[in-house]
Amino acid sequence: MKKVNHWINGKNVAGNDYFQTTNPATGEVLADVASGG
């Protein structure tokens, strides 16, 4: 599964928390995405 981090000041920065994104048509998990905020 793909893991998507933050892109800050031209650098790939890992997040502390991640959430899964899914394809709404199939329910397939597409990636773990870093939570911001």
C-alpha atoms as a PDB file:
ATOM      1  CA  MET A   1       0.000   0.000   0.000  1.00  0.00           C
ATOM      2  CA  LYS A   2       1.228   3.494  -0.777  1.00  0.00           C
ATOM      3  CA  LYS A   3       2.082   5.840   2.117  1.00  0.00           C
ATOM      4  CA  VAL A   4       1.674   9.564   1.372  1.00  0.00           C
ATOM      5  CA  ASN A   5       3.583  12.034   3.569  1.00  0.00           C
ATOM      6  CA  HIS A   6       3.463  15.830   3.827  1.00  0.00           C
ATOM      7  CA  TRP A   7       5.388  17.993   1.340  1.00  0.00           C
ATOM      8  CA  ILE A   8       6.758  20.958   3.331  1.00  0.00           C
ATOM      9  CA  ASN A   9       9.322  23.476   2.030  1.00  0.00           C
ATOM     10  CA  GLY A  10      10.296  21.104  -0.766  1.00  0.00           C
ATOM     11  CA  LYS A  11      10.874  18.155   1.578  1.00  0.00           C
ATOM     12  CA  ASN A  12       9.005  14.907   2.123  1.00  0.00           C
ATOM     13  CA  VAL A  13       8.035  14.951   5.829  1.00  0.00           C
ATOM     14  CA  ALA A  14       6.487  11.989   7.639  1.00  0.00           C
ATOM     15  CA  GLY A  15       3.357  12.592   9.687  1.00  0.00           C
ATOM     16  CA  ASN A  16       2.567  11.397  13.201  1.00  0.00           C
ATOM     17  CA  ASP A  17      -0.868  10.055  12.250  1.00  0.00           C
ATOM     18  CA  TYR A  18      -2.181   8.562   9.012  1.00  0.00           C
ATOM     19  CA  PHE A  19      -5.647   7.781   7.680  1.00  0.00           C
ATOM     20  CA  GLN A  20      -6.719   5.440   4.894  1.00  0.00           C
ATOM     21  CA  THR A  21      -8.252   6.720   1.687  1.00  0.00           C
ATOM     22  CA  THR A  22     -10.557   4.408  -0.226  1.00  0.00           C
ATOM     23  CA  ASN A  23     -12.073   4.183  -3.663  1.00  0.00           C
ATOM     24  CA  PRO A  24     -15.771   4.926  -2.984  1.00  0.00           C
ATOM     25  CA  ALA A  25     -16.905   2.764  -5.887  1.00  0.00           C
ATOM     26  CA  THR A  26     -15.078  -0.392  -4.791  1.00  0.00           C
ATOM     27  CA  GLY A  27     -14.091   0.173  -1.166  1.00  0.00           C
ATOM     28  CA  GLU A  28     -10.479  -0.635  -2.112  1.00  0.00           C
ATOM     29  CA  VAL A  29      -7.895   1.041   0.135  1.00  0.00           C
ATOM     30  CA  LEU A  30      -5.742   3.314  -2.036  1.00  0.00           C
ATOM     31  CA  ALA A  31      -3.204   4.793   0.391  1.00  0.00           C
ATOM     32  CA  ASP A  32      -2.343   5.812   3.921  1.00  0.00           C
ATOM     33  CA  VAL A  33      -2.236   9.621   3.960  1.00  0.00           C
ATOM     34  CA  ALA A  34      -0.558  11.781   6.614  1.00  0.00           C
ATOM     35  CA  SER A  35      -2.998  13.809   8.721  1.00  0.00           C
ATOM     36  CA  GLY A  36      -2.281  17.508   8.935  1.00  0.00           C
ATOM     37  CA  GLY A  37      -3.250  19.998  11.549  1.00  0.00           C
END
